[in-house]
Every structure is written in C-alpha cells, then in structure tokens.
PDB file of N, CA and C in Angstrom:
ATOM      1  N   UNK A   1      15.687  -6.113  52.034  1.00  0.00           N
ATOM      2  CA  UNK A   1      14.525  -5.483  51.429  1.00  0.00           C
ATOM      3  C   UNK A   1      13.881  -6.482  50.476  1.00  0.00           C
ATOM      4  N   UNK A   2      12.574  -6.595  50.573  1.00  0.00           N
ATOM      5  CA  UNK A   2      11.833  -7.516  49.723  1.00  0.00           C
ATOM      6  C   UNK A   2      10.478  -6.879  49.438  1.00  0.00           C
ATOM      7  N   UNK A   3       9.998  -6.989  48.211  1.00  0.00           N
ATOM      8  CA  UNK A   3       8.725  -6.387  47.831  1.00  0.00           C
ATOM      9  C   UNK A   3       7.549  -7.347  47.948  1.00  0.00           C
ATOM     10  N   UNK A   4       7.806  -8.576  48.346  1.00  0.00           N
ATOM     11  CA  UNK A   4       6.771  -9.603  48.371  1.00  0.00           C
ATOM     12  C   UNK A   4       5.592  -9.201  49.262  1.00  0.00           C
ATOM     13  N   UNK A   5       4.407  -9.163  48.656  1.00  0.00           N
ATOM     14  CA  UNK A   5       3.175  -8.866  49.387  1.00  0.00           C
ATOM     15  C   UNK A   5       2.950  -7.401  49.701  1.00  0.00           C
ATOM     16  N   UNK A   6       3.785  -6.510  49.202  1.00  0.00           N
ATOM     17  CA  UNK A   6       3.629  -5.086  49.500  1.00  0.00           C
ATOM     18  C   UNK A   6       2.655  -4.435  48.518  1.00  0.00           C
ATOM     19  N   UNK A   7       1.916  -3.448  49.024  1.00  0.00           N
ATOM     20  CA  UNK A   7       0.930  -2.728  48.220  1.00  0.00           C
ATOM     21  C   UNK A   7       1.297  -1.253  48.188  1.00  0.00           C
ATOM     22  N   UNK A   8       1.103  -0.638  47.022  1.00  0.00           N
ATOM     23  CA  UNK A   8       1.446   0.761  46.803  1.00  0.00           C
ATOM     24  C   UNK A   8       0.291   1.459  46.088  1.00  0.00           C
ATOM     25  N   UNK A   9       0.224   2.789  46.243  1.00  0.00           N
ATOM     26  CA  UNK A   9      -0.695   3.611  45.455  1.00  0.00           C
ATOM     27  C   UNK A   9       0.099   4.729  44.808  1.00  0.00           C
ATOM     28  N   UNK A  10      -0.313   5.091  43.609  1.00  0.00           N
ATOM     29  CA  UNK A  10       0.353   6.167  42.886  1.00  0.00           C
ATOM     30  C   UNK A  10      -0.044   7.497  43.519  1.00  0.00           C
ATOM     31  N   UNK A  11       0.947   8.334  43.802  1.00  0.00           N
ATOM     32  CA  UNK A  11       0.672   9.650  44.375  1.00  0.00           C
ATOM     33  C   UNK A  11       0.962  10.776  43.386  1.00  0.00           C
ATOM     34  N   UNK A  12       1.796  10.515  42.363  1.00  0.00           N
ATOM     35  CA  UNK A  12       2.035  11.516  41.326  1.00  0.00           C
ATOM     36  C   UNK A  12       2.541  10.832  40.060  1.00  0.00           C
ATOM     37  N   UNK A  13       2.312  11.505  38.924  1.00  0.00           N
ATOM     38  CA  UNK A  13       2.781  10.986  37.639  1.00  0.00           C
ATOM     39  C   UNK A  13       2.842  12.122  36.630  1.00  0.00           C
ATOM     40  N   UNK A  14       3.891  12.126  35.828  1.00  0.00           N
ATOM     41  CA  UNK A  14       3.975  13.117  34.758  1.00  0.00           C
ATOM     42  C   UNK A  14       3.197  12.669  33.523  1.00  0.00           C
ATOM     43  N   UNK A  15       2.725  11.418  33.490  1.00  0.00           N
ATOM     44  CA  UNK A  15       2.006  10.892  32.324  1.00  0.00           C
ATOM     45  C   UNK A  15       0.511  11.197  32.369  1.00  0.00           C
ATOM     46  N   UNK A  16      -0.041  11.377  33.587  1.00  0.00           N
ATOM     47  CA  UNK A  16      -1.471  11.644  33.712  1.00  0.00           C
ATOM     48  C   UNK A  16      -1.765  12.180  35.106  1.00  0.00           C
ATOM     49  N   UNK A  17      -2.928  12.801  35.238  1.00  0.00           N
ATOM     50  CA  UNK A  17      -3.358  13.279  36.556  1.00  0.00           C
ATOM     51  C   UNK A  17      -3.721  12.069  37.413  1.00  0.00           C
ATOM     52  N   UNK A  18      -3.399  12.135  38.697  1.00  0.00           N
ATOM     53  CA  UNK A  18      -3.719  11.055  39.628  1.00  0.00           C
ATOM     54  C   UNK A  18      -4.957  11.457  40.414  1.00  0.00           C
ATOM     55  N   UNK A  19      -5.978  10.616  40.376  1.00  0.00           N
ATOM     56  CA  UNK A  19      -7.197  10.863  41.141  1.00  0.00           C
ATOM     57  C   UNK A  19      -6.962  10.394  42.578  1.00  0.00           C
ATOM     58  N   UNK A  20      -6.862  11.312  43.545  1.00  0.00           N
ATOM     59  CA  UNK A  20      -6.567  10.898  44.926  1.00  0.00           C
ATOM     60  C   UNK A  20      -7.662  10.025  45.536  1.00  0.00           C
ATOM     61  N   UNK A  21      -8.868  10.070  44.989  1.00  0.00           N
ATOM     62  CA  UNK A  21      -9.960   9.244  45.491  1.00  0.00           C
ATOM     63  C   UNK A  21      -9.896   7.807  45.007  1.00  0.00           C
ATOM     64  N   UNK A  22      -9.251   7.579  43.867  1.00  0.00           N
ATOM     65  CA  UNK A  22      -9.113   6.216  43.333  1.00  0.00           C
ATOM     66  C   UNK A  22      -7.810   6.105  42.549  1.00  0.00           C
ATOM     67  N   UNK A  23      -6.677   6.275  43.227  1.00  0.00           N
ATOM     68  CA  UNK A  23      -5.399   6.200  42.514  1.00  0.00           C
ATOM     69  C   UNK A  23      -5.117   4.778  42.043  1.00  0.00           C
ATOM     70  N   UNK A  24      -4.234   4.658  41.077  1.00  0.00           N
ATOM     71  CA  UNK A  24      -3.818   3.337  40.635  1.00  0.00           C
ATOM     72  C   UNK A  24      -3.139   2.630  41.799  1.00  0.00           C
ATOM     73  N   UNK A  25      -3.569   1.395  42.064  1.00  0.00           N
ATOM     74  CA  UNK A  25      -3.057   0.602  43.183  1.00  0.00           C
ATOM     75  C   UNK A  25      -2.285  -0.598  42.636  1.00  0.00           C
ATOM     76  N   UNK A  26      -1.135  -0.866  43.233  1.00  0.00           N
ATOM     77  CA  UNK A  26      -0.218  -1.908  42.782  1.00  0.00           C
ATOM     78  C   UNK A  26      -0.013  -2.939  43.883  1.00  0.00           C
ATOM     79  N   UNK A  27       0.076  -4.202  43.483  1.00  0.00           N
ATOM     80  CA  UNK A  27       0.423  -5.271  44.413  1.00  0.00           C
ATOM     81  C   UNK A  27       1.656  -5.980  43.861  1.00  0.00           C
ATOM     82  N   UNK A  28       2.695  -6.063  44.685  1.00  0.00           N
ATOM     83  CA  UNK A  28       3.983  -6.631  44.284  1.00  0.00           C
ATOM     84  C   UNK A  28       4.207  -7.992  44.929  1.00  0.00           C
ATOM     85  N   UNK A  29       4.881  -8.855  44.173  1.00  0.00           N
ATOM     86  CA  UNK A  29       5.333 -10.159  44.669  1.00  0.00           C
ATOM     87  C   UNK A  29       6.789 -10.315  44.266  1.00  0.00           C
ATOM     88  N   UNK A  30       7.563 -11.006  45.068  1.00  0.00           N
ATOM     89  CA  UNK A  30       8.977 -11.187  44.758  1.00  0.00           C
ATOM     90  C   UNK A  30       9.494 -12.491  45.328  1.00  0.00           C
ATOM     91  N   UNK A  31      10.273 -13.205  44.517  1.00  0.00           N
ATOM     92  CA  UNK A  31      10.994 -14.406  44.944  1.00  0.00           C
ATOM     93  C   UNK A  31      12.355 -14.395  44.268  1.00  0.00           C
ATOM     94  N   UNK A  32      13.410 -14.488  45.063  1.00  0.00           N
ATOM     95  CA  UNK A  32      14.787 -14.566  44.547  1.00  0.00           C
ATOM     96  C   UNK A  32      15.108 -13.475  43.528  1.00  0.00           C
ATOM     97  N   UNK A  33      14.658 -12.253  43.789  1.00  0.00           N
ATOM     98  CA  UNK A  33      14.965 -11.137  42.906  1.00  0.00           C
ATOM     99  C   UNK A  33      14.069 -10.998  41.694  1.00  0.00           C
ATOM    100  N   UNK A  34      13.155 -11.946  41.476  1.00  0.00           N
ATOM    101  CA  UNK A  34      12.173 -11.832  40.389  1.00  0.00           C
ATOM    102  C   UNK A  34      10.936 -11.155  40.973  1.00  0.00           C
ATOM    103  N   UNK A  35      10.465 -10.111  40.296  1.00  0.00           N
ATOM    104  CA  UNK A  35       9.352  -9.296  40.763  1.00  0.00           C
ATOM    105  C   UNK A  35       8.211  -9.390  39.758  1.00  0.00           C
ATOM    106  N   UNK A  36       6.975  -9.483  40.264  1.00  0.00           N
ATOM    107  CA  UNK A  36       5.805  -9.473  39.388  1.00  0.00           C
ATOM    108  C   UNK A  36       4.622  -8.925  40.169  1.00  0.00           C
ATOM    109  N   UNK A  37       3.564  -8.578  39.453  1.00  0.00           N
ATOM    110  CA  UNK A  37       2.391  -8.080  40.158  1.00  0.00           C
ATOM    111  C   UNK A  37       1.310  -7.601  39.229  1.00  0.00           C
ATOM    112  N   UNK A  38       0.358  -6.882  39.836  1.00  0.00           N
ATOM    113  CA  UNK A  38      -0.802  -6.394  39.100  1.00  0.00           C
ATOM    114  C   UNK A  38      -1.178  -5.008  39.601  1.00  0.00           C
ATOM    115  N   UNK A  39      -1.997  -4.326  38.805  1.00  0.00           N
ATOM    116  CA  UNK A  39      -2.452  -2.996  39.189  1.00  0.00           C
ATOM    117  C   UNK A  39      -3.765  -2.654  38.503  1.00  0.00           C
ATOM    118  N   UNK A  40      -4.545  -1.812  39.153  1.00  0.00           N
ATOM    119  CA  UNK A  40      -5.796  -1.275  38.623  1.00  0.00           C
ATOM    120  C   UNK A  40      -5.933   0.154  39.141  1.00  0.00           C
ATOM    121  N   UNK A  41      -6.785   0.938  38.494  1.00  0.00           N
ATOM    122  CA  UNK A  41      -6.965   2.296  38.982  1.00  0.00           C
ATOM    123  C   UNK A  41      -7.881   3.127  38.130  1.00  0.00           C
ATOM    124  N   UNK A  42      -7.749   4.448  38.290  1.00  0.00           N
ATOM    125  CA  UNK A  42      -8.657   5.372  37.642  1.00  0.00           C
ATOM    126  C   UNK A  42      -8.563   5.350  36.119  1.00  0.00           C
ATOM    127  N   UNK A  43      -7.396   5.074  35.546  1.00  0.00           N
ATOM    128  CA  UNK A  43      -7.252   5.024  34.082  1.00  0.00           C
ATOM    129  C   UNK A  43      -6.958   3.624  33.564  1.00  0.00           C
ATOM    130  N   UNK A  44      -6.725   2.674  34.484  1.00  0.00           N
ATOM    131  CA  UNK A  44      -6.314   1.312  34.117  1.00  0.00           C
ATOM    132  C   UNK A  44      -7.360   0.305  34.575  1.00  0.00           C
ATOM    133  N   UNK A  45      -7.897  -0.473  33.623  1.00  0.00           N
ATOM    134  CA  UNK A  45      -8.842  -1.524  33.973  1.00  0.00           C
ATOM    135  C   UNK A  45      -8.127  -2.684  34.641  1.00  0.00           C
ATOM    136  N   UNK A  46      -7.032  -3.124  34.033  1.00  0.00           N
ATOM    137  CA  UNK A  46      -6.244  -4.248  34.566  1.00  0.00           C
ATOM    138  C   UNK A  46      -4.840  -4.162  33.999  1.00  0.00           C
ATOM    139  N   UNK A  47      -3.832  -4.327  34.860  1.00  0.00           N
ATOM    140  CA  UNK A  47      -2.452  -4.275  34.410  1.00  0.00           C
ATOM    141  C   UNK A  47      -1.612  -5.358  35.058  1.00  0.00           C
ATOM    142  N   UNK A  48      -0.545  -5.745  34.373  1.00  0.00           N
ATOM    143  CA  UNK A  48       0.397  -6.766  34.870  1.00  0.00           C
ATOM    144  C   UNK A  48       1.816  -6.295  34.593  1.00  0.00           C
ATOM    145  N   UNK A  49       2.749  -6.727  35.466  1.00  0.00           N
ATOM    146  CA  UNK A  49       4.157  -6.421  35.250  1.00  0.00           C
ATOM    147  C   UNK A  49       5.019  -7.573  35.723  1.00  0.00           C
ATOM    148  N   UNK A  50       6.239  -7.639  35.172  1.00  0.00           N
ATOM    149  CA  UNK A  50       7.222  -8.648  35.574  1.00  0.00           C
ATOM    150  C   UNK A  50       8.607  -8.058  35.349  1.00  0.00           C
ATOM    151  N   UNK A  51       9.541  -8.423  36.226  1.00  0.00           N
ATOM    152  CA  UNK A  51      10.900  -7.919  36.089  1.00  0.00           C
ATOM    153  C   UNK A  51      11.804  -8.444  37.184  1.00  0.00           C
ATOM    154  N   UNK A  52      12.807  -7.643  37.521  1.00  0.00           N
ATOM    155  CA  UNK A  52      13.795  -8.061  38.514  1.00  0.00           C
ATOM    156  C   UNK A  52      14.101  -6.913  39.476  1.00  0.00           C
ATOM    157  N   UNK A  53      14.605  -7.287  40.669  1.00  0.00           N
ATOM    158  CA  UNK A  53      15.093  -6.305  41.630  1.00  0.00           C
ATOM    159  C   UNK A  53      16.551  -6.614  41.918  1.00  0.00           C
ATOM    160  N   UNK A  54      17.384  -5.574  41.894  1.00  0.00           N
ATOM    161  CA  UNK A  54      18.797  -5.693  42.243  1.00  0.00           C
ATOM    162  C   UNK A  54      19.078  -4.577  43.246  1.00  0.00           C
ATOM    163  N   UNK A  55      19.165  -4.923  44.517  1.00  0.00           N
ATOM    164  CA  UNK A  55      19.348  -3.915  45.554  1.00  0.00           C
ATOM    165  C   UNK A  55      18.131  -3.015  45.628  1.00  0.00           C
ATOM    166  N   UNK A  56      18.346  -1.708  45.485  1.00  0.00           N
ATOM    167  CA  UNK A  56      17.227  -0.764  45.559  1.00  0.00           C
ATOM    168  C   UNK A  56      16.698  -0.368  44.186  1.00  0.00           C
ATOM    169  N   UNK A  57      17.011  -1.144  43.150  1.00  0.00           N
ATOM    170  CA  UNK A  57      16.540  -0.866  41.790  1.00  0.00           C
ATOM    171  C   UNK A  57      15.624  -1.980  41.302  1.00  0.00           C
ATOM    172  N   UNK A  58      14.499  -1.600  40.721  1.00  0.00           N
ATOM    173  CA  UNK A  58      13.540  -2.545  40.157  1.00  0.00           C
ATOM    174  C   UNK A  58      13.370  -2.210  38.679  1.00  0.00           C
ATOM    175  N   UNK A  59      13.545  -3.196  37.806  1.00  0.00           N
ATOM    176  CA  UNK A  59      13.349  -3.020  36.366  1.00  0.00           C
ATOM    177  C   UNK A  59      12.226  -3.943  35.929  1.00  0.00           C
ATOM    178  N   UNK A  60      11.206  -3.369  35.286  1.00  0.00           N
ATOM    179  CA  UNK A  60      10.057  -4.174  34.880  1.00  0.00           C
ATOM    180  C   UNK A  60       9.609  -3.827  33.458  1.00  0.00           C
ATOM    181  N   UNK A  61       8.846  -4.749  32.882  1.00  0.00           N
ATOM    182  CA  UNK A  61       8.057  -4.517  31.681  1.00  0.00           C
ATOM    183  C   UNK A  61       6.606  -4.622  32.108  1.00  0.00           C
ATOM    184  N   UNK A  62       5.747  -3.805  31.517  1.00  0.00           N
ATOM    185  CA  UNK A  62       4.347  -3.782  31.937  1.00  0.00           C
ATOM    186  C   UNK A  62       3.419  -3.663  30.734  1.00  0.00           C
ATOM    187  N   UNK A  63       2.177  -4.066  30.946  1.00  0.00           N
ATOM    188  CA  UNK A  63       1.114  -3.874  29.961  1.00  0.00           C
ATOM    189  C   UNK A  63      -0.204  -3.734  30.712  1.00  0.00           C
ATOM    190  N   UNK A  64      -1.083  -2.866  30.196  1.00  0.00           N
ATOM    191  CA  UNK A  64      -2.385  -2.713  30.840  1.00  0.00           C
ATOM    192  C   UNK A  64      -3.474  -2.352  29.839  1.00  0.00           C
ATOM    193  N   UNK A  65      -4.708  -2.693  30.245  1.00  0.00           N
ATOM    194  CA  UNK A  65      -5.900  -2.316  29.491  1.00  0.00           C
ATOM    195  C   UNK A  65      -6.379  -0.977  30.043  1.00  0.00           C
ATOM    196  N   UNK A  66      -6.679  -0.060  29.141  1.00  0.00           N
ATOM    197  CA  UNK A  66      -7.087   1.286  29.529  1.00  0.00           C
ATOM    198  C   UNK A  66      -8.598   1.388  29.700  1.00  0.00           C
ATOM    199  N   UNK A  67      -9.037   2.157  30.675  1.00  0.00           N
ATOM    200  CA  UNK A  67     -10.467   2.409  30.872  1.00  0.00           C
ATOM    201  C   UNK A  67     -11.052   3.023  29.601  1.00  0.00           C
ATOM    202  N   UNK A  68     -10.288   3.895  28.936  1.00  0.00           N
ATOM    203  CA  UNK A  68     -10.753   4.557  27.718  1.00  0.00           C
ATOM    204  C   UNK A  68     -10.755   3.640  26.499  1.00  0.00           C
ATOM    205  N   UNK A  69     -10.237   2.417  26.645  1.00  0.00           N
ATOM    206  CA  UNK A  69     -10.160   1.467  25.546  1.00  0.00           C
ATOM    207  C   UNK A  69      -8.734   1.317  25.060  1.00  0.00           C
ATOM    208  N   UNK A  70      -8.426   0.145  24.543  1.00  0.00           N
ATOM    209  CA  UNK A  70      -7.088  -0.130  24.049  1.00  0.00           C
ATOM    210  C   UNK A  70      -6.152  -0.574  25.158  1.00  0.00           C
ATOM    211  N   UNK A  71      -4.893  -0.709  24.791  1.00  0.00           N
ATOM    212  CA  UNK A  71      -3.880  -1.150  25.749  1.00  0.00           C
ATOM    213  C   UNK A  71      -2.665  -0.237  25.654  1.00  0.00           C
ATOM    214  N   UNK A  72      -1.828  -0.315  26.686  1.00  0.00           N
ATOM    215  CA  UNK A  72      -0.554   0.402  26.699  1.00  0.00           C
ATOM    216  C   UNK A  72       0.457  -0.474  27.415  1.00  0.00           C
ATOM    217  N   UNK A  73       1.704  -0.345  27.024  1.00  0.00           N
ATOM    218  CA  UNK A  73       2.756  -1.123  27.669  1.00  0.00           C
ATOM    219  C   UNK A  73       4.063  -0.374  27.581  1.00  0.00           C
ATOM    220  N   UNK A  74       5.058  -0.878  28.290  1.00  0.00           N
ATOM    221  CA  UNK A  74       6.357  -0.235  28.254  1.00  0.00           C
ATOM    222  C   UNK A  74       7.319  -0.843  29.248  1.00  0.00           C
ATOM    223  N   UNK A  75       8.328  -0.060  29.588  1.00  0.00           N
ATOM    224  CA  UNK A  75       9.376  -0.495  30.514  1.00  0.00           C
ATOM    225  C   UNK A  75       9.594   0.594  31.549  1.00  0.00           C
ATOM    226  N   UNK A  76      10.040   0.170  32.740  1.00  0.00           N
ATOM    227  CA  UNK A  76      10.334   1.146  33.776  1.00  0.00           C
ATOM    228  C   UNK A  76      11.497   0.695  34.636  1.00  0.00           C
ATOM    229  N   UNK A  77      12.082   1.680  35.299  1.00  0.00           N
ATOM    230  CA  UNK A  77      13.136   1.444  36.273  1.00  0.00           C
ATOM    231  C   UNK A  77      12.784   2.258  37.507  1.00  0.00           C
ATOM    232  N   UNK A  78      12.666   1.591  38.650  1.00  0.00           N
ATOM    233  CA  UNK A  78      12.292   2.270  39.891  1.00  0.00           C
ATOM    234  C   UNK A  78      13.418   2.238  40.899  1.00  0.00           C
ATOM    235  N   UNK A  79      13.492   3.305  41.685  1.00  0.00           N
ATOM    236  CA  UNK A  79      14.396   3.379  42.822  1.00  0.00           C
ATOM    237  C   UNK A  79      13.540   3.228  44.077  1.00  0.00           C
ATOM    238  N   UNK A  80      13.929   2.306  44.963  1.00  0.00           N
ATOM    239  CA  UNK A  80      13.194   2.092  46.207  1.00  0.00           C
ATOM    240  C   UNK A  80      13.784   3.002  47.275  1.00  0.00           C
ATOM    241  N   UNK A  81      12.924   3.781  47.918  1.00  0.00           N
ATOM    242  CA  UNK A  81      13.334   4.643  49.020  1.00  0.00           C
ATOM    243  C   UNK A  81      12.559   4.239  50.265  1.00  0.00           C
ATOM    244  N   UNK A  82      13.172   4.416  51.427  1.00  0.00           N
ATOM    245  CA  UNK A  82      12.492   4.143  52.694  1.00  0.00           C
ATOM    246  C   UNK A  82      12.236   5.472  53.392  1.00  0.00           C
ATOM    247  N   UNK A  83      10.959   5.718  53.728  1.00  0.00           N
ATOM    248  CA  UNK A  83      10.592   6.957  54.407  1.00  0.00           C
ATOM    249  C   UNK A  83      10.891   6.902  55.891  1.00  0.00           C
ATOM    250  N   UNK A  84      10.770   8.045  56.551  1.00  0.00           N
ATOM    251  CA  UNK A  84      10.984   8.126  57.994  1.00  0.00           C
ATOM    252  C   UNK A  84      10.019   7.223  58.760  1.00  0.00           C
ATOM    253  N   UNK A  85       8.862   6.942  58.169  1.00  0.00           N
ATOM    254  CA  UNK A  85       7.857   6.082  58.810  1.00  0.00           C
ATOM    255  C   UNK A  85       8.129   4.595  58.569  1.00  0.00           C
ATOM    256  N   UNK A  86       9.208   4.278  57.822  1.00  0.00           N
ATOM    257  CA  UNK A  86       9.558   2.890  57.538  1.00  0.00           C
ATOM    258  C   UNK A  86       8.865   2.325  56.309  1.00  0.00           C
ATOM    259  N   UNK A  87       7.917   3.073  55.741  1.00  0.00           N
ATOM    260  CA  UNK A  87       7.225   2.613  54.542  1.00  0.00           C
ATOM    261  C   UNK A  87       8.060   2.945  53.306  1.00  0.00           C
ATOM    262  N   UNK A  88       7.886   2.147  52.257  1.00  0.00           N
ATOM    263  CA  UNK A  88       8.660   2.319  51.036  1.00  0.00           C
ATOM    264  C   UNK A  88       7.979   3.278  50.072  1.00  0.00           C
ATOM    265  N   UNK A  89       8.786   3.899  49.230  1.00  0.00           N
ATOM    266  CA  UNK A  89       8.324   4.692  48.090  1.00  0.00           C
ATOM    267  C   UNK A  89       9.063   4.174  46.864  1.00  0.00           C
ATOM    268  N   UNK A  90       8.365   4.131  45.751  1.00  0.00           N
ATOM    269  CA  UNK A  90       8.968   3.756  44.476  1.00  0.00           C
ATOM    270  C   UNK A  90       8.977   4.991  43.583  1.00  0.00           C
ATOM    271  N   UNK A  91      10.169   5.440  43.199  1.00  0.00           N
ATOM    272  CA  UNK A  91      10.305   6.545  42.261  1.00  0.00           C
ATOM    273  C   UNK A  91      10.652   5.913  40.923  1.00  0.00           C
ATOM    274  N   UNK A  92       9.696   5.988  40.007  1.00  0.00           N
ATOM    275  CA  UNK A  92       9.752   5.207  38.768  1.00  0.00           C
ATOM    276  C   UNK A  92       9.956   6.104  37.554  1.00  0.00           C
ATOM    277  N   UNK A  93      10.937   5.770  36.735  1.00  0.00           N
ATOM    278  CA  UNK A  93      11.135   6.403  35.438  1.00  0.00           C
ATOM    279  C   UNK A  93      10.659   5.403  34.383  1.00  0.00           C
ATOM    280  N   UNK A  94       9.744   5.840  33.491  1.00  0.00           N
ATOM    281  CA  UNK A  94       9.170   4.887  32.545  1.00  0.00           C
ATOM    282  C   UNK A  94       8.905   5.526  31.196  1.00  0.00           C
ATOM    283  N   UNK A  95       8.763   4.650  30.198  1.00  0.00           N
ATOM    284  CA  UNK A  95       8.362   5.051  28.856  1.00  0.00           C
ATOM    285  C   UNK A  95       7.317   4.067  28.351  1.00  0.00           C
ATOM    286  N   UNK A  96       6.473   4.548  27.455  1.00  0.00           N
ATOM    287  CA  UNK A  96       5.486   3.698  26.796  1.00  0.00           C
ATOM    288  C   UNK A  96       6.062   3.204  25.481  1.00  0.00           C
ATOM    289  N   UNK A  97       5.699   1.981  25.081  1.00  0.00           N
ATOM    290  CA  UNK A  97       6.118   1.456  23.782  1.00  0.00           C
ATOM    291  C   UNK A  97       5.654   2.411  22.690  1.00  0.00           C
ATOM    292  N   UNK A  98       6.548   2.696  21.744  1.00  0.00           N
ATOM    293  CA  UNK A  98       6.197   3.557  20.624  1.00  0.00           C
ATOM    294  C   UNK A  98       6.308   5.043  20.940  1.00  0.00           C
ATOM    295  N   UNK A  99       6.690   5.393  22.167  1.00  0.00           N
ATOM    296  CA  UNK A  99       6.824   6.790  22.565  1.00  0.00           C
ATOM    297  C   UNK A  99       8.018   6.884  23.512  1.00  0.00           C
ATOM    298  N   UNK A 100       9.061   7.563  23.082  1.00  0.00           N
ATOM    299  CA  UNK A 100      10.275   7.651  23.894  1.00  0.00           C
ATOM    300  C   UNK A 100      10.232   8.759  24.938  1.00  0.00           C
ATOM    301  N   UNK A 101       9.076   9.406  25.125  1.00  0.00           N
ATOM    302  CA  UNK A 101       8.959  10.474  26.108  1.00  0.00           C
ATOM    303  C   UNK A 101       9.154   9.902  27.510  1.00  0.00           C
ATOM    304  N   UNK A 102      10.146  10.394  28.251  1.00  0.00           N
ATOM    305  CA  UNK A 102      10.349   9.886  29.614  1.00  0.00           C
ATOM    306  C   UNK A 102       9.307  10.453  30.577  1.00  0.00           C
ATOM    307  N   UNK A 103       8.837   9.604  31.472  1.00  0.00           N
ATOM    308  CA  UNK A 103       7.873   9.996  32.497  1.00  0.00           C
ATOM    309  C   UNK A 103       8.403   9.568  33.860  1.00  0.00           C
ATOM    310  N   UNK A 104       7.868  10.190  34.910  1.00  0.00           N
ATOM    311  CA  UNK A 104       8.241   9.841  36.278  1.00  0.00           C
ATOM    312  C   UNK A 104       6.972   9.734  37.102  1.00  0.00           C
ATOM    313  N   UNK A 105       6.889   8.679  37.904  1.00  0.00           N
ATOM    314  CA  UNK A 105       5.780   8.548  38.859  1.00  0.00           C
ATOM    315  C   UNK A 105       6.344   8.202  40.226  1.00  0.00           C
ATOM    316  N   UNK A 106       5.552   8.482  41.242  1.00  0.00           N
ATOM    317  CA  UNK A 106       5.918   8.134  42.618  1.00  0.00           C
ATOM    318  C   UNK A 106       4.763   7.329  43.199  1.00  0.00           C
ATOM    319  N   UNK A 107       5.114   6.183  43.799  1.00  0.00           N
ATOM    320  CA  UNK A 107       4.130   5.339  44.456  1.00  0.00           C
ATOM    321  C   UNK A 107       4.528   5.177  45.918  1.00  0.00           C
ATOM    322  N   UNK A 108       3.538   5.265  46.804  1.00  0.00           N
ATOM    323  CA  UNK A 108       3.777   5.139  48.238  1.00  0.00           C
ATOM    324  C   UNK A 108       3.189   3.838  48.755  1.00  0.00           C
ATOM    325  N   UNK A 109       3.935   3.175  49.632  1.00  0.00           N
ATOM    326  CA  UNK A 109       3.449   1.935  50.217  1.00  0.00           C
ATOM    327  C   UNK A 109       2.256   2.207  51.117  1.00  0.00           C
ATOM    328  N   UNK A 110       1.292   1.297  51.076  1.00  0.00           N
ATOM    329  CA  UNK A 110       0.109   1.370  51.906  1.00  0.00           C
ATOM    330  C   UNK A 110       0.348   0.511  53.138  1.00  0.00           C
ATOM    331  N   UNK A 111       0.182   1.097  54.308  1.00  0.00           N
ATOM    332  CA  UNK A 111       0.446   0.360  55.552  1.00  0.00           C
ATOM    333  C   UNK A 111      -0.583  -0.727  55.790  1.00  0.00           C
TER     334      UNK A 111
END
C-alpha cells in the first residue's frame, strides 16, 4: 500500500458540514513511509500536511488558511481502509491546536 499520487475528497466530518458540490480535496505523496501533501476546499483556501505511514496508519501534522480568515492547524491519525471497489478510504481522528475536542472525518479516494 502506498499513498503516492492518490487523491481523496472529504465525504463527512464532525468538525464542519461538507459541501458535496465542492468538498475539501486532498493530494497525497509518499516516499519510504514519509507522507506529505496539500488540500483545498469549501472552508480551506490552502492547506499542507506532513507525517508518516506505518502499515495502515497515517500520522500527520497539518496547517491551513481558512476561507473565513485566519489559520488552523493540528494533528491527526488516519486508518486506511480498502473498499470493495479497490479504492481507499481514510478514517481520520484529529484535533485542532488549542482545542482538545476530538473530531472524525472520512475521505474517499477519487478514481
């Protein structure tokens, strides 16, 4: 399993409503277990992340500029699942810096 060059869209999140017409889109890159990428979407102007993958677990730190102004950042841990169609899903548990409230999002790979 490798995330290099894979693209995902957010399908659900406990932190905010997901706009199905313009969901947050993620692009992943990976080399030797190091993972990094970028994302943009309905609430995010521009975002970046970096971390590691160990088996089916991905741990990252992220930061993004908000459409509403300001920035947000935090840490997350994702579990990689493979669907019946062979596409990946990322089930992510995350928190924002300065707020220990746990959140969960699900991202689906784009074919």
